[in-house]
């Protein structure tokens, strides 16, 4: 979400850009805001002119100057800008300032504007293909139980746990992110837990963030449409763990990427974890035993400080991985074992993450989950087999304008693990839903046994109407989302609402 933001004080242009430009060419002007969105520029703003997906921000110079921008910065090597600057300087009485590697440095500049907000609290970065949102909000629950004021930034929004404000991205753009951290700092947050996406790392959105702890959930094959291949995806993720500000890292030794990072940072205050109780993997935090019922998960783990037993309201075996990641982060934060044991008891599920509706009034149980990769869908279905005496009915779809390679892979997982499969629409965006379906169907061995119901509401209603009391219906892909993206429109839609309208039950 590119936006215009303001701070409570102002800063001189010379001070703001010191070290990034030739200061002898700067005018002495006060900057009272930063903006990378031409439609939201306010008087006193410094406008950041970067290339967009379809248009360049430099195309809107007249609008931003009319709105009151005091100066415009652009990338010193941007040929589109360099061709236009001589004429623009003759037309407008405002400074056009070249900045080397502007996108890479924008986060640092925004951080300076907001008085380095991430230095005012302990910043914890969570990255990985799956589990970022769950780990983030489990940590927030735990820290709140320890009477710590903790905020979060991620898929569900930003802010304190009971006051989340919705954003459009897992990790916002650099200017917006620093403004959010500033808001959390003036709200006296002691800890901030941030989901860090691979896109954000690749696009330098988190430059300027002084992370104290970095944690890895896992690494699968997602966003390969953007990164090109798994190697570039790994490279993007690894940037978080190379941050100089880090005082500790948390790594998953059940993951090849986690093992690689553990070797790279061996001896650098790393806490490793593993959920494979039967393996000979030597991990700092390791699962010894687990027990799962429809009331939740009970685990016993070994830690450097001793044994730890926790009972939670979470379901699904893959949540054990999330719990061990949380325990490891809390250990990195130097909490005592008795504090960790106390704060992690009775942790509850996150909206749209393995959210369980038990069977009532002879209706099937339902699980709503955000699973939108083949790894997450596999983990979701496998985790729920012990909770189902009848058939597992899986409803899923794949997003448009996103990684097409995962479509047949998700189909293969659903066909192999579920008893019945319904394929439906899930944010088709600008792609024809029929084409998305064709891509998905190539992954089925027996596509004739799969039902295609484009209308997601009808797909859910059909599954719930046909399922028996012993069955389990999994609604995968959207989780907490309150919309269906068709074209460029966000049409109000909620899996939760449809499920609740078609059955009587209580979300655990």
Protein backbone atom coordinates (compact mmCIF):
# COMPACT_ATOMS: atom_id res chain seq x y z
CA UNK A 1 0.00 0.00 0.00
CA UNK A 2 1.83 3.09 -1.24
CA UNK A 3 0.72 6.10 0.69
CA UNK A 4 1.46 9.55 2.05
CA UNK A 5 2.33 9.87 5.72
CA UNK A 6 3.24 12.62 8.15
CA UNK A 7 5.22 12.87 11.33
CA UNK A 8 4.66 15.10 14.32
CA UNK A 9 7.85 17.10 13.72
CA UNK A 10 9.70 18.25 10.62
CA UNK A 11 13.19 17.66 9.32
CA UNK A 12 15.38 19.62 6.95
CA UNK A 13 15.95 18.19 3.50
CA UNK A 14 19.71 18.44 4.09
CA UNK A 15 19.50 16.32 7.24
CA UNK A 16 17.10 13.81 5.71
CA UNK A 17 19.28 13.11 2.66
CA UNK A 18 22.69 13.52 4.30
CA UNK A 19 25.00 10.78 3.04
CA UNK A 20 22.75 9.89 0.12
CA UNK A 21 23.27 12.92 -2.14
CA UNK A 22 25.66 15.79 -2.81
CA UNK A 23 24.46 18.14 -0.07
CA UNK A 24 25.98 21.20 -1.75
CA UNK A 25 23.18 21.03 -4.32
CA UNK A 26 20.37 20.85 -1.76
CA UNK A 27 18.08 23.76 -0.98
CA UNK A 28 17.37 24.62 2.64
CA UNK A 29 13.76 23.48 2.95
CA UNK A 30 11.79 21.71 5.67
CA UNK A 31 10.14 18.37 4.92
CA UNK A 32 6.96 17.52 6.83
CA UNK A 33 5.96 14.32 5.06
CA UNK A 34 7.03 11.55 2.68
CA UNK A 35 4.98 10.22 -0.21
CA UNK A 36 5.38 7.76 -3.05
CA UNK A 37 1.74 8.09 -4.11
CA UNK A 38 1.05 11.11 -6.30
CA UNK A 39 -2.64 11.21 -5.35
CA UNK A 40 -1.88 11.56 -1.64
CA UNK A 41 0.83 14.23 -1.63
CA UNK A 42 0.38 16.98 0.96
CA UNK A 43 1.96 20.38 1.35
CA UNK A 44 5.52 20.01 2.64
CA UNK A 45 6.00 16.45 1.36
CA UNK A 46 9.12 15.06 -0.23
CA UNK A 47 7.88 13.07 -3.22
CA UNK A 48 9.59 9.79 -4.12
CA UNK A 49 9.41 9.15 -7.88
CA UNK A 50 9.82 5.44 -8.59
CA UNK A 51 8.67 3.28 -11.48
CA UNK A 52 5.30 1.62 -10.96
CA UNK A 53 3.84 -1.49 -12.59
CA UNK A 54 2.20 0.47 -15.41
CA UNK A 55 3.26 4.12 -15.03
CA UNK A 56 6.25 6.00 -13.66
CA UNK A 57 5.66 8.33 -10.72
CA UNK A 58 7.59 11.03 -12.60
CA UNK A 59 4.59 11.25 -14.96
CA UNK A 60 2.68 12.98 -12.17
CA UNK A 61 5.09 15.82 -11.47
CA UNK A 62 2.56 18.58 -12.13
CA UNK A 63 0.03 17.01 -9.75
CA UNK A 64 2.50 16.56 -6.89
CA UNK A 65 3.91 20.08 -7.23
CA UNK A 66 0.41 21.54 -7.32
CA UNK A 67 -0.34 19.53 -4.15
CA UNK A 68 2.61 21.15 -2.36
CA UNK A 69 5.61 18.83 -2.73
CA UNK A 70 8.77 20.73 -1.71
CA UNK A 71 11.20 18.46 -3.61
CA UNK A 72 11.29 15.30 -5.71
CA UNK A 73 13.83 12.51 -5.44
CA UNK A 74 14.45 9.87 -8.10
CA UNK A 75 16.92 7.09 -8.79
CA UNK A 76 20.17 8.47 -10.16
CA UNK A 77 20.37 5.69 -12.75
CA UNK A 78 16.75 5.76 -13.88
CA UNK A 79 16.95 6.46 -17.62
CA UNK A 80 13.27 7.38 -17.80
CA UNK A 81 13.84 10.18 -15.28
CA UNK A 82 17.18 11.29 -16.70
CA UNK A 83 15.59 11.94 -20.09
CA UNK A 84 12.92 14.18 -18.58
CA UNK A 85 14.71 16.05 -15.79
CA UNK A 86 16.28 18.85 -17.95
CA UNK A 87 12.87 19.89 -19.28
CA UNK A 88 11.12 19.47 -15.94
CA UNK A 89 13.68 21.67 -14.18
CA UNK A 90 12.92 24.44 -16.66
CA UNK A 91 9.18 24.04 -16.19
CA UNK A 92 8.97 23.85 -12.39
CA UNK A 93 10.58 25.76 -9.54
CA UNK A 94 11.27 22.72 -7.40
CA UNK A 95 14.37 20.60 -6.78
CA UNK A 96 14.73 17.27 -8.59
CA UNK A 97 17.31 15.30 -6.62
CA UNK A 98 19.02 12.11 -7.85
CA UNK A 99 19.66 9.43 -5.21
CA UNK A 100 21.88 6.44 -5.87
CA UNK A 101 20.03 3.13 -5.43
CA UNK A 102 16.88 4.89 -4.30
CA UNK A 103 14.74 1.79 -3.82
CA UNK A 104 17.45 0.13 -1.71
CA UNK A 105 17.94 3.27 0.40
CA UNK A 106 14.34 4.43 0.72
CA UNK A 107 13.69 2.46 3.89
CA UNK A 108 16.75 4.02 5.55
CA UNK A 109 15.64 7.50 4.48
CA UNK A 110 12.11 6.89 5.77
CA UNK A 111 13.51 5.51 9.02
CA UNK A 112 15.55 8.69 9.49
CA UNK A 113 12.45 10.79 8.82
CA UNK A 114 10.58 8.93 11.56
CA UNK A 115 13.50 9.15 14.02
CA UNK A 116 14.54 5.48 13.68
CA UNK A 117 11.38 3.95 15.20
CA UNK A 118 12.55 0.32 15.18
CA UNK A 119 15.27 1.24 17.67
CA UNK A 120 12.59 2.06 20.25
CA UNK A 121 11.49 -1.56 20.80
CA UNK A 122 12.59 -5.15 20.25
CA UNK A 123 11.81 -6.04 16.62
CA UNK A 124 11.24 -9.70 15.73
CA UNK A 125 11.08 -10.74 12.07
CA UNK A 126 9.27 -13.95 11.08
CA UNK A 127 9.83 -15.31 7.58
CA UNK A 128 9.03 -18.54 5.74
CA UNK A 129 6.67 -19.93 3.13
CA UNK A 130 3.99 -21.01 5.61
CA UNK A 131 3.30 -20.24 9.26
CA UNK A 132 4.36 -16.58 9.41
CA UNK A 133 0.96 -15.29 10.46
CA UNK A 134 0.36 -18.05 13.01
CA UNK A 135 3.77 -17.67 14.65
CA UNK A 136 3.42 -13.88 14.72
CA UNK A 137 0.08 -13.92 16.49
CA UNK A 138 0.94 -16.79 18.82
CA UNK A 139 3.93 -14.73 19.93
CA UNK A 140 1.69 -11.71 20.46
CA UNK A 141 -0.64 -13.82 22.63
CA UNK A 142 2.32 -15.10 24.65
CA UNK A 143 3.88 -11.65 25.14
CA UNK A 144 0.54 -10.21 26.20
CA UNK A 145 0.24 -12.95 28.84
CA UNK A 146 3.65 -11.83 30.09
CA UNK A 147 2.18 -8.33 30.46
CA UNK A 148 4.33 -6.99 27.64
CA UNK A 149 2.96 -4.38 25.27
CA UNK A 150 3.37 -5.99 21.86
CA UNK A 151 2.35 -4.94 18.37
CA UNK A 152 2.42 -6.79 15.07
CA UNK A 153 2.70 -6.07 11.35
CA UNK A 154 1.50 -8.65 8.86
CA UNK A 155 -1.22 -10.31 6.85
CA UNK A 156 -3.98 -9.60 9.39
CA UNK A 157 -3.00 -5.92 9.67
CA UNK A 158 -0.90 -3.89 12.09
CA UNK A 159 -1.18 -2.54 15.61
CA UNK A 160 -1.79 -3.97 19.05
CA UNK A 161 -3.51 -7.37 19.18
CA UNK A 162 -7.01 -6.03 19.83
CA UNK A 163 -6.67 -2.98 17.58
CA UNK A 164 -5.42 -4.28 14.23
CA UNK A 165 -5.75 -2.00 11.22
CA UNK A 166 -6.03 -3.67 7.82
CA UNK A 167 -3.28 -3.32 5.19
CA UNK A 168 -3.06 -4.60 1.62
CA UNK A 169 0.27 -6.42 1.93
CA UNK A 170 1.93 -8.83 4.35
CA UNK A 171 4.82 -6.37 4.60
CA UNK A 172 3.90 -2.78 3.55
CA UNK A 173 6.05 -0.53 1.33
CA UNK A 174 9.10 1.12 2.91
CA UNK A 175 7.51 4.49 3.70
CA UNK A 176 4.29 3.02 5.08
CA UNK A 177 6.22 0.47 7.12
CA UNK A 178 8.35 3.11 8.84
CA UNK A 179 5.23 5.18 9.57
CA UNK A 180 3.60 2.11 11.13
CA UNK A 181 6.68 1.43 13.27
CA UNK A 182 6.67 5.09 14.30
CA UNK A 183 3.02 4.78 15.32
CA UNK A 184 3.82 1.67 17.36
CA UNK A 185 6.81 3.38 18.98
CA UNK A 186 4.81 6.39 20.17
CA UNK A 187 2.26 3.89 21.47
CA UNK A 188 5.01 2.58 23.80
CA UNK A 189 5.22 -0.90 22.30
CA UNK A 190 7.96 -2.96 23.94
CA UNK A 191 7.97 -5.63 21.24
CA UNK A 192 6.90 -5.68 17.60
CA UNK A 193 6.56 -8.94 15.68
CA UNK A 194 6.66 -8.53 11.90
CA UNK A 195 5.87 -10.97 9.11
CA UNK A 196 8.62 -10.51 6.52
CA UNK A 197 7.69 -11.67 3.03
CA UNK A 198 10.15 -12.61 0.30
CA UNK A 199 8.75 -9.80 -1.85
CA UNK A 200 9.51 -7.31 0.92
CA UNK A 201 13.09 -8.55 1.21
CA UNK A 202 13.63 -8.56 -2.56
CA UNK A 203 12.20 -5.04 -2.87
CA UNK A 204 14.11 -3.66 0.15
CA UNK A 205 10.90 -2.70 1.97
CA UNK A 206 12.48 -3.61 5.33
CA UNK A 207 15.70 -1.65 4.81
CA UNK A 208 15.82 0.76 7.71
CA UNK A 209 14.36 -1.83 10.10
CA UNK A 210 16.68 -2.75 12.96
CA UNK A 211 15.70 -6.37 13.61
CA UNK A 212 16.80 -7.94 16.88
CA UNK A 213 15.57 -11.49 16.25
CA UNK A 214 14.96 -13.29 12.93
CA UNK A 215 13.05 -16.58 12.80
CA UNK A 216 12.44 -19.11 10.02
CA UNK A 217 9.30 -21.24 9.86
CA UNK A 218 10.08 -23.23 6.68
CA UNK A 219 10.84 -22.81 3.01
CA UNK A 220 8.72 -24.34 0.25
CA UNK A 221 8.00 -23.45 -3.35
CA UNK A 222 5.85 -20.34 -3.43
CA UNK A 223 6.13 -17.05 -5.33
CA UNK A 224 8.32 -18.69 -7.98
CA UNK A 225 6.40 -16.63 -10.52
CA UNK A 226 8.10 -13.60 -8.97
CA UNK A 227 11.51 -14.96 -7.96
CA UNK A 228 12.02 -17.19 -11.00
CA UNK A 229 13.37 -20.25 -9.20
CA UNK A 230 13.88 -21.71 -5.75
CA UNK A 231 17.47 -20.49 -5.52
CA UNK A 232 16.46 -16.84 -5.94
CA UNK A 233 13.61 -17.40 -3.48
CA UNK A 234 16.10 -18.74 -0.91
CA UNK A 235 18.42 -15.84 -1.61
CA UNK A 236 15.64 -13.34 -0.89
CA UNK A 237 14.72 -15.05 2.38
CA UNK A 238 18.35 -15.22 3.50
CA UNK A 239 18.62 -11.42 3.49
CA UNK A 240 16.71 -11.22 6.75
CA UNK A 241 19.24 -13.44 8.52
CA UNK A 242 22.22 -11.39 7.30
CA UNK A 243 21.01 -8.21 9.03
CA UNK A 244 23.86 -6.71 11.07
CA UNK A 245 21.52 -5.61 13.85
CA UNK A 246 20.51 -9.17 14.78
CA UNK A 247 21.28 -10.42 18.27
CA UNK A 248 19.73 -13.84 17.68
CA UNK A 249 18.39 -16.20 15.01
CA UNK A 250 15.81 -18.99 15.24
CA UNK A 251 16.09 -21.76 12.63
CA UNK A 252 14.12 -24.87 11.68
CA UNK A 253 16.38 -27.92 11.42
CA UNK A 254 13.63 -29.97 9.75
CA UNK A 255 14.03 -27.71 6.72
CA UNK A 256 16.96 -27.86 4.25
CA UNK A 257 17.13 -24.07 4.09
CA UNK A 258 17.15 -23.91 7.89
CA UNK A 259 20.03 -26.39 8.01
CA UNK A 260 21.96 -24.30 5.48
CA UNK A 261 21.43 -21.13 7.53
CA UNK A 262 22.44 -22.95 10.72
CA UNK A 263 25.75 -23.88 9.12
CA UNK A 264 26.28 -20.31 7.89
CA UNK A 265 25.60 -18.74 11.28
CA UNK A 266 27.00 -21.46 13.52
CA UNK A 267 28.09 -19.91 16.81
CA UNK A 268 26.24 -16.63 16.18
CA UNK A 269 23.65 -17.00 18.96
CA UNK A 270 21.38 -19.36 17.05
CA UNK A 271 18.58 -21.41 18.60
CA UNK A 272 17.54 -24.35 16.42
CA UNK A 273 14.34 -26.36 16.72
CA UNK A 274 13.03 -29.68 15.40
CA UNK A 275 9.66 -31.41 15.61
CA UNK A 276 11.04 -34.77 14.45
CA UNK A 277 11.09 -36.64 17.76
CA UNK A 278 12.36 -39.86 16.15
CA UNK A 279 15.36 -38.40 14.32
CA UNK A 280 18.92 -38.03 15.58
CA UNK A 281 18.89 -34.31 14.75
CA UNK A 282 20.50 -32.38 17.59
CA UNK A 283 18.38 -29.28 18.17
CA UNK A 284 18.26 -26.78 21.02
CA UNK A 285 14.47 -27.03 21.17
CA UNK A 286 13.19 -30.50 20.24
CA UNK A 287 9.85 -32.23 20.45
CA UNK A 288 9.80 -35.22 22.80
CA UNK A 289 6.12 -36.11 22.67
CA UNK A 290 2.78 -34.78 21.51
CA UNK A 291 -0.88 -35.58 22.01
CA UNK A 292 -3.66 -34.24 19.77
CA UNK A 293 -7.40 -34.19 20.38
CA UNK A 294 -10.22 -32.04 19.03
CA UNK A 295 -9.68 -29.89 22.12
CA UNK A 296 -6.11 -29.01 21.20
CA UNK A 297 -2.44 -29.99 21.25
CA UNK A 298 -0.32 -31.00 24.24
CA UNK A 299 3.45 -31.13 23.70
CA UNK A 300 6.56 -31.82 25.74
CA UNK A 301 9.83 -30.40 24.46
CA UNK A 302 13.41 -30.29 25.59
CA UNK A 303 15.13 -26.90 25.75
CA UNK A 304 18.53 -25.64 26.92
CA UNK A 305 16.77 -24.60 30.15
CA UNK A 306 15.00 -27.94 30.75
CA UNK A 307 11.79 -29.77 29.87
CA UNK A 308 8.68 -27.83 28.94
CA UNK A 309 5.08 -29.11 28.73
CA UNK A 310 2.37 -27.00 27.09
CA UNK A 311 -1.37 -27.51 26.48
CA UNK A 312 -2.92 -25.28 23.80
CA UNK A 313 -6.23 -24.81 22.01
CA UNK A 314 -4.58 -25.31 18.62
CA UNK A 315 -5.31 -28.26 16.34
CA UNK A 316 -3.26 -29.82 13.55
CA UNK A 317 0.16 -31.43 13.75
CA UNK A 318 1.85 -28.64 11.77
CA UNK A 319 1.01 -26.21 14.58
CA UNK A 320 3.60 -28.06 16.64
CA UNK A 321 6.20 -26.54 14.32
CA UNK A 322 4.74 -23.08 14.99
CA UNK A 323 4.79 -23.68 18.75
CA UNK A 324 8.44 -24.74 18.75
CA UNK A 325 9.34 -21.67 16.72
CA UNK A 326 7.56 -19.50 19.31
CA UNK A 327 9.31 -21.20 22.20
CA UNK A 328 12.67 -20.64 20.51
CA UNK A 329 11.97 -16.94 19.96
CA UNK A 330 10.94 -16.50 23.61
CA UNK A 331 14.18 -18.18 24.67
CA UNK A 332 16.12 -15.79 22.43
CA UNK A 333 14.32 -12.96 24.22
CA UNK A 334 15.74 -14.33 27.50
CA UNK A 335 12.46 -15.28 29.14
CA UNK A 336 12.70 -17.91 31.89
CA UNK A 337 11.32 -21.39 31.30
CA UNK A 338 8.55 -20.94 33.88
CA UNK A 339 7.50 -17.72 32.14
CA UNK A 340 7.37 -19.46 28.77
CA UNK A 341 5.39 -22.37 30.21
CA UNK A 342 2.88 -19.95 31.74
CA UNK A 343 2.42 -17.67 28.74
CA UNK A 344 2.02 -20.45 26.18
CA UNK A 345 -0.69 -22.38 27.98
CA UNK A 346 -4.09 -22.26 26.26
CA UNK A 347 -2.91 -20.36 23.18
CA UNK A 348 -5.82 -20.05 20.76
CA UNK A 349 -5.95 -20.36 16.95
CA UNK A 350 -5.62 -17.38 14.65
CA UNK A 351 -8.62 -16.34 12.51
CA UNK A 352 -8.53 -18.35 9.30
CA UNK A 353 -5.65 -20.56 10.42
CA UNK A 354 -6.86 -24.10 11.15
CA UNK A 355 -10.04 -22.62 12.55
CA UNK A 356 -12.19 -25.52 13.70
CA UNK A 357 -16.00 -25.70 13.74
CA UNK A 358 -16.95 -28.93 15.58
CA UNK A 359 -19.73 -31.20 14.41
CA UNK A 360 -23.08 -30.10 15.87
CA UNK A 361 -26.73 -30.86 15.12
CA UNK A 362 -25.73 -33.75 12.85
CA UNK A 363 -23.71 -31.43 10.62
CA UNK A 364 -20.14 -32.10 9.49
CA UNK A 365 -17.20 -30.47 11.22
CA UNK A 366 -15.51 -27.69 9.23
CA UNK A 367 -11.99 -26.28 9.15
CA UNK A 368 -11.20 -22.93 7.52
CA UNK A 369 -7.54 -22.51 6.67
CA UNK A 370 -5.37 -20.10 4.69
CA UNK A 371 -3.47 -22.96 2.98
CA UNK A 372 -2.63 -21.77 -0.53
CA UNK A 373 0.52 -23.74 -1.36
CA UNK A 374 0.89 -27.48 -1.93
CA UNK A 375 2.99 -27.78 1.24
CA UNK A 376 0.42 -25.99 3.38
CA UNK A 377 -2.50 -27.92 1.88
CA UNK A 378 -0.71 -31.21 2.46
CA UNK A 379 0.08 -30.30 6.07
CA UNK A 380 -3.49 -29.15 6.63
CA UNK A 381 -5.16 -32.31 5.33
CA UNK A 382 -2.67 -34.70 6.94
CA UNK A 383 -3.02 -32.92 10.28
CA UNK A 384 -6.79 -33.37 10.23
CA UNK A 385 -7.02 -37.08 9.40
CA UNK A 386 -7.08 -37.97 13.11
CA UNK A 387 -10.05 -35.65 13.62
CA UNK A 388 -12.28 -37.30 11.01
CA UNK A 389 -14.10 -40.65 11.13
CA UNK A 390 -15.74 -40.19 7.74
CA UNK A 391 -14.67 -38.55 4.50
CA UNK A 392 -12.51 -35.47 4.10
CA UNK A 393 -14.01 -33.05 1.59
CA UNK A 394 -11.52 -30.45 0.37
CA UNK A 395 -12.55 -27.18 -1.26
CA UNK A 396 -9.73 -25.14 -2.79
CA UNK A 397 -8.76 -22.87 -5.67
CA UNK A 398 -5.71 -20.96 -6.89
CA UNK A 399 -5.21 -17.22 -7.20
CA UNK A 400 -5.00 -15.49 -10.55
CA UNK A 401 -1.89 -13.53 -11.58
CA UNK A 402 0.14 -15.68 -9.19
CA UNK A 403 2.52 -18.65 -9.42
CA UNK A 404 0.93 -20.94 -12.02
CA UNK A 405 3.32 -23.81 -11.33
CA UNK A 406 1.69 -24.61 -8.00
CA UNK A 407 -1.78 -25.15 -9.49
CA UNK A 408 -1.33 -28.78 -10.63
CA UNK A 409 0.74 -29.49 -7.51
CA UNK A 410 -2.10 -28.43 -5.22
CA UNK A 411 -4.47 -30.56 -7.28
CA UNK A 412 -2.25 -33.61 -6.84
CA UNK A 413 -2.12 -33.08 -3.07
CA UNK A 414 -5.89 -32.68 -2.78
CA UNK A 415 -6.58 -35.77 -4.91
CA UNK A 416 -4.10 -37.90 -2.99
CA UNK A 417 -5.11 -36.89 0.54
CA UNK A 418 -8.81 -35.97 0.41
CA UNK A 419 -11.74 -38.28 -0.29
CA UNK A 420 -13.68 -35.70 -2.28
CA UNK A 421 -12.46 -32.52 -3.99
CA UNK A 422 -14.31 -29.41 -5.12
CA UNK A 423 -12.31 -26.82 -7.06
CA UNK A 424 -13.59 -23.26 -6.86
CA UNK A 425 -12.54 -19.66 -7.49
CA UNK A 426 -10.02 -17.99 -5.18
CA UNK A 427 -9.19 -14.40 -6.17
CA UNK A 428 -9.04 -14.91 -9.97
CA UNK A 429 -7.92 -11.28 -10.39
CA UNK A 430 -7.25 -10.54 -14.07
CA UNK A 431 -7.08 -14.17 -15.24
CA UNK A 432 -10.09 -15.98 -16.70
CA UNK A 433 -11.30 -18.40 -13.97
CA UNK A 434 -11.74 -21.05 -16.66
CA UNK A 435 -8.02 -20.91 -17.49
CA UNK A 436 -7.07 -21.23 -13.82
CA UNK A 437 -9.32 -24.29 -13.59
CA UNK A 438 -7.72 -25.85 -16.68
CA UNK A 439 -4.28 -25.39 -15.11
CA UNK A 440 -5.45 -26.98 -11.86
CA UNK A 441 -7.11 -29.93 -13.60
CA UNK A 442 -3.83 -30.97 -15.25
CA UNK A 443 -2.65 -32.09 -11.82
CA UNK A 444 -5.44 -34.63 -11.26
CA UNK A 445 -5.00 -38.26 -12.29
CA UNK A 446 -8.79 -38.67 -12.40
CA UNK A 447 -10.18 -35.19 -13.14
CA UNK A 448 -13.61 -36.66 -13.92
CA UNK A 449 -14.05 -37.32 -10.18
CA UNK A 450 -13.45 -33.67 -9.30
CA UNK A 451 -16.27 -31.16 -9.17
CA UNK A 452 -15.78 -27.64 -10.50
CA UNK A 453 -18.01 -24.99 -8.93
CA UNK A 454 -16.78 -21.50 -9.79
CA UNK A 455 -19.07 -19.72 -7.33
CA UNK A 456 -17.24 -20.13 -4.02
CA UNK A 457 -20.36 -19.65 -1.91
CA UNK A 458 -22.22 -22.37 -3.81
CA UNK A 459 -19.16 -24.64 -3.58
CA UNK A 460 -19.11 -24.35 0.22
CA UNK A 461 -22.88 -24.70 0.52
CA UNK A 462 -22.81 -27.82 -1.68
CA UNK A 463 -20.12 -29.50 0.41
CA UNK A 464 -21.87 -28.70 3.68
CA UNK A 465 -25.24 -29.90 2.39
CA UNK A 466 -23.87 -33.23 1.17
CA UNK A 467 -21.46 -33.99 4.03
CA UNK A 468 -22.47 -36.41 6.80
CA UNK A 469 -21.98 -35.89 10.51
CA UNK A 470 -18.81 -38.01 10.43
CA UNK A 471 -17.26 -36.05 7.56
CA UNK A 472 -14.89 -33.08 7.70
CA UNK A 473 -15.09 -30.19 5.24
CA UNK A 474 -11.86 -28.25 4.66
CA UNK A 475 -12.29 -24.80 3.13
CA UNK A 476 -8.78 -23.83 2.05
CA UNK A 477 -7.11 -20.78 0.56
CA UNK A 478 -8.73 -17.60 1.84
CA UNK A 479 -8.70 -17.96 5.61
CA UNK A 480 -9.41 -14.60 7.25
CA UNK A 481 -9.96 -12.70 3.98
CA UNK A 482 -13.11 -10.65 3.66
CA UNK A 483 -13.15 -10.29 -0.11
CA UNK A 484 -12.93 -12.04 -3.47
CA UNK A 485 -10.69 -10.24 -5.98
CA UNK A 486 -12.22 -10.32 -9.46
CA UNK A 487 -10.43 -8.13 -11.98
CA UNK A 488 -9.38 -5.12 -9.94
CA UNK A 489 -12.49 -5.19 -7.74
CA UNK A 490 -12.57 -6.45 -4.17
CA UNK A 491 -16.00 -7.99 -3.79
CA UNK A 492 -17.07 -8.57 -0.16
CA UNK A 493 -16.90 -12.29 0.60
CA UNK A 494 -16.09 -14.36 3.67
CA UNK A 495 -15.67 -18.12 4.03
CA UNK A 496 -16.56 -17.65 7.70
CA UNK A 497 -19.85 -15.99 6.88
CA UNK A 498 -20.88 -18.71 4.43
CA UNK A 499 -19.98 -21.49 6.87
CA UNK A 500 -21.78 -19.84 9.79
CA UNK A 501 -24.86 -19.18 7.68
CA UNK A 502 -25.07 -22.86 6.76
CA UNK A 503 -24.54 -24.44 10.15
CA UNK A 504 -24.78 -23.72 13.85
CA UNK A 505 -21.51 -23.97 15.70
CA UNK A 506 -18.90 -22.20 17.75
CA UNK A 507 -15.42 -21.38 16.49
CA UNK A 508 -12.90 -22.95 18.87
